[in-house]
C-alpha atoms as a PDB file:
ATOM      1  CA  MET A   1      50.186  -5.006  37.799  1.00  0.00           C
ATOM      2  CA  ALA A   2      47.231  -6.861  36.310  1.00  0.00           C
ATOM      3  CA  TYR A   3      43.741  -6.242  37.619  1.00  0.00           C
ATOM      4  CA  ARG A   4      40.325  -7.659  37.174  1.00  0.00           C
ATOM      5  CA  GLY A   5      37.454  -5.713  35.641  1.00  0.00           C
ATOM      6  CA  THR A   6      33.916  -6.096  34.466  1.00  0.00           C
ATOM      7  CA  GLY A   7      32.778  -5.422  30.942  1.00  0.00           C
ATOM      8  CA  PHE A   8      29.659  -5.774  28.882  1.00  0.00           C
ATOM      9  CA  PHE A   9      29.309  -6.830  25.276  1.00  0.00           C
ATOM     10  CA  ASP A  10      26.653  -6.006  22.709  1.00  0.00           C
ATOM     11  CA  GLY A  11      25.257  -8.500  20.220  1.00  0.00           C
ATOM     12  CA  LYS A  12      28.129  -7.797  17.829  1.00  0.00           C
ATOM     13  CA  GLY A  13      30.713  -8.575  20.504  1.00  0.00           C
ATOM     14  CA  HIS A  14      31.859  -4.987  21.061  1.00  0.00           C
ATOM     15  CA  PHE A  15      33.044  -4.165  24.585  1.00  0.00           C
ATOM     16  CA  TYR A  16      31.366  -1.526  26.768  1.00  0.00           C
ATOM     17  CA  LYS A  17      32.059  -0.354  30.296  1.00  0.00           C
ATOM     18  CA  THR A  18      28.381  -0.187  31.315  1.00  0.00           C
ATOM     19  CA  PRO A  19      25.349  -2.358  30.600  1.00  0.00           C
ATOM     20  CA  GLU A  20      23.495   0.769  29.452  1.00  0.00           C
ATOM     21  CA  ASP A  21      26.056   1.443  26.709  1.00  0.00           C
ATOM     22  CA  ALA A  22      25.886  -2.175  25.487  1.00  0.00           C
ATOM     23  CA  THR A  23      22.075  -2.098  25.450  1.00  0.00           C
ATOM     24  CA  VAL A  24      21.988   1.237  23.617  1.00  0.00           C
ATOM     25  CA  SER A  25      24.287  -0.256  20.985  1.00  0.00           C
ATOM     26  CA  ASP A  26      21.972  -3.250  20.523  1.00  0.00           C
ATOM     27  CA  LEU A  27      18.881  -1.011  20.347  1.00  0.00           C
ATOM     28  CA  ALA A  28      20.573   1.202  17.753  1.00  0.00           C
ATOM     29  CA  THR A  29      21.332  -1.902  15.701  1.00  0.00           C
ATOM     30  CA  VAL A  30      17.680  -2.975  15.854  1.00  0.00           C
ATOM     31  CA  LEU A  31      16.552   0.518  14.803  1.00  0.00           C
ATOM     32  CA  GLY A  32      18.977   0.624  11.893  1.00  0.00           C
ATOM     33  CA  LYS A  33      20.113   3.809  10.166  1.00  0.00           C
ATOM     34  CA  ILE A  34      17.758   6.701  10.787  1.00  0.00           C
ATOM     35  CA  GLY A  35      18.105  10.015   8.994  1.00  0.00           C
ATOM     36  CA  ASP A  36      20.541  11.426   6.480  1.00  0.00           C
ATOM     37  CA  GLY A  37      24.216  11.627   7.320  1.00  0.00           C
ATOM     38  CA  GLU A  38      25.091  10.344  10.778  1.00  0.00           C
ATOM     39  CA  SER A  39      22.360   8.045  12.083  1.00  0.00           C
ATOM     40  CA  LEU A  40      19.991   9.240  14.779  1.00  0.00           C
ATOM     41  CA  ALA A  41      19.523   5.641  15.992  1.00  0.00           C
ATOM     42  CA  PRO A  42      22.026   5.813  18.897  1.00  0.00           C
ATOM     43  CA  GLY A  43      20.303   8.897  20.334  1.00  0.00           C
ATOM     44  CA  ILE A  44      16.862   7.369  19.880  1.00  0.00           C
ATOM     45  CA  ALA A  45      18.085   4.117  21.455  1.00  0.00           C
ATOM     46  CA  HIS A  46      19.348   6.086  24.460  1.00  0.00           C
ATOM     47  CA  MET A  47      15.935   7.782  24.822  1.00  0.00           C
ATOM     48  CA  ILE A  48      14.157   4.414  24.602  1.00  0.00           C
ATOM     49  CA  LEU A  49      16.295   3.024  27.414  1.00  0.00           C
ATOM     50  CA  GLU A  50      15.839   6.199  29.447  1.00  0.00           C
ATOM     51  CA  ARG A  51      12.034   6.113  29.066  1.00  0.00           C
ATOM     52  CA  ARG A  52      11.719   2.357  29.349  1.00  0.00           C
ATOM     53  CA  THR A  53       9.004   2.361  32.031  1.00  0.00           C
ATOM     54  CA  GLU A  54       6.637   4.533  30.023  1.00  0.00           C
ATOM     55  CA  ILE A  55       7.351   2.606  26.821  1.00  0.00           C
ATOM     56  CA  GLU A  56       6.716  -0.746  28.509  1.00  0.00           C
ATOM     57  CA  ARG A  57       3.399   0.578  29.900  1.00  0.00           C
ATOM     58  CA  LEU A  58       2.366   1.734  26.423  1.00  0.00           C
ATOM     59  CA  LEU A  59       3.267  -1.623  24.903  1.00  0.00           C
ATOM     60  CA  VAL A  60       1.234  -3.483  27.546  1.00  0.00           C
ATOM     61  CA  GLU A  61      -1.738  -1.233  26.737  1.00  0.00           C
ATOM     62  CA  HIS A  62      -1.154  -1.829  23.009  1.00  0.00           C
ATOM     63  CA  ASP A  63      -1.121  -5.615  23.521  1.00  0.00           C
ATOM     64  CA  ALA A  64      -4.399  -5.376  25.452  1.00  0.00           C
ATOM     65  CA  MET A  65      -6.013  -3.376  22.625  1.00  0.00           C
ATOM     66  CA  ILE A  66      -4.797  -5.913  20.048  1.00  0.00           C
ATOM     67  CA  ALA A  67      -6.209  -8.763  22.144  1.00  0.00           C
ATOM     68  CA  GLU A  68      -9.569  -6.963  22.349  1.00  0.00           C
ATOM     69  CA  CYS A  69      -9.612  -6.435  18.576  1.00  0.00           C
ATOM     70  CA  GLN A  70      -8.904 -10.101  17.950  1.00  0.00           C
ATOM     71  CA  ALA A  71     -11.743 -11.073  20.299  1.00  0.00           C
ATOM     72  CA  VAL A  72     -14.242  -9.254  18.047  1.00  0.00           C
ATOM     73  CA  ASP A  73     -15.864 -11.372  15.326  1.00  0.00           C
ATOM     74  CA  PRO A  74     -13.478 -11.034  12.341  1.00  0.00           C
ATOM     75  CA  GLY A  75     -16.434 -11.199   9.908  1.00  0.00           C
ATOM     76  CA  SER A  76     -18.173  -8.269  11.562  1.00  0.00           C
ATOM     77  CA  LYS A  77     -17.323  -4.730  10.533  1.00  0.00           C
ATOM     78  CA  VAL A  78     -18.906  -3.264  13.641  1.00  0.00           C
ATOM     79  CA  ALA A  79     -17.444  -3.671  17.100  1.00  0.00           C
ATOM     80  CA  ARG A  80     -19.901  -4.204  19.930  1.00  0.00           C
ATOM     81  CA  LEU A  81     -19.459  -1.709  22.742  1.00  0.00           C
ATOM     82  CA  GLU A  82     -20.024  -2.658  26.362  1.00  0.00           C
ATOM     83  CA  PRO A  83     -22.663  -0.591  28.149  1.00  0.00           C
ATOM     84  CA  ARG A  84     -21.296   2.198  30.326  1.00  0.00           C
ATOM     85  CA  ALA A  85     -21.674   1.974  34.062  1.00  0.00           C
ATOM     86  CA  VAL A  86     -23.343   5.109  35.391  1.00  0.00           C
END
């Protein structure tokens, strides 16, 4: 008897049973081949997905630092520090 199911596809069109597996596949593709022999990218992609919250927090902090650097006069080689509140 036929039945209905749900599946998830990565960017290449490969079928996966869970959204996590499809996302890990896409992340591994973005990372490319890492290491000699069998690629470490799938394992690294899994860790990225697993630690997503911490990674997103770090990227937000990184974006804030970049924005601060761009706010400094590009012709100046010295960044002006704000006075500390005591």
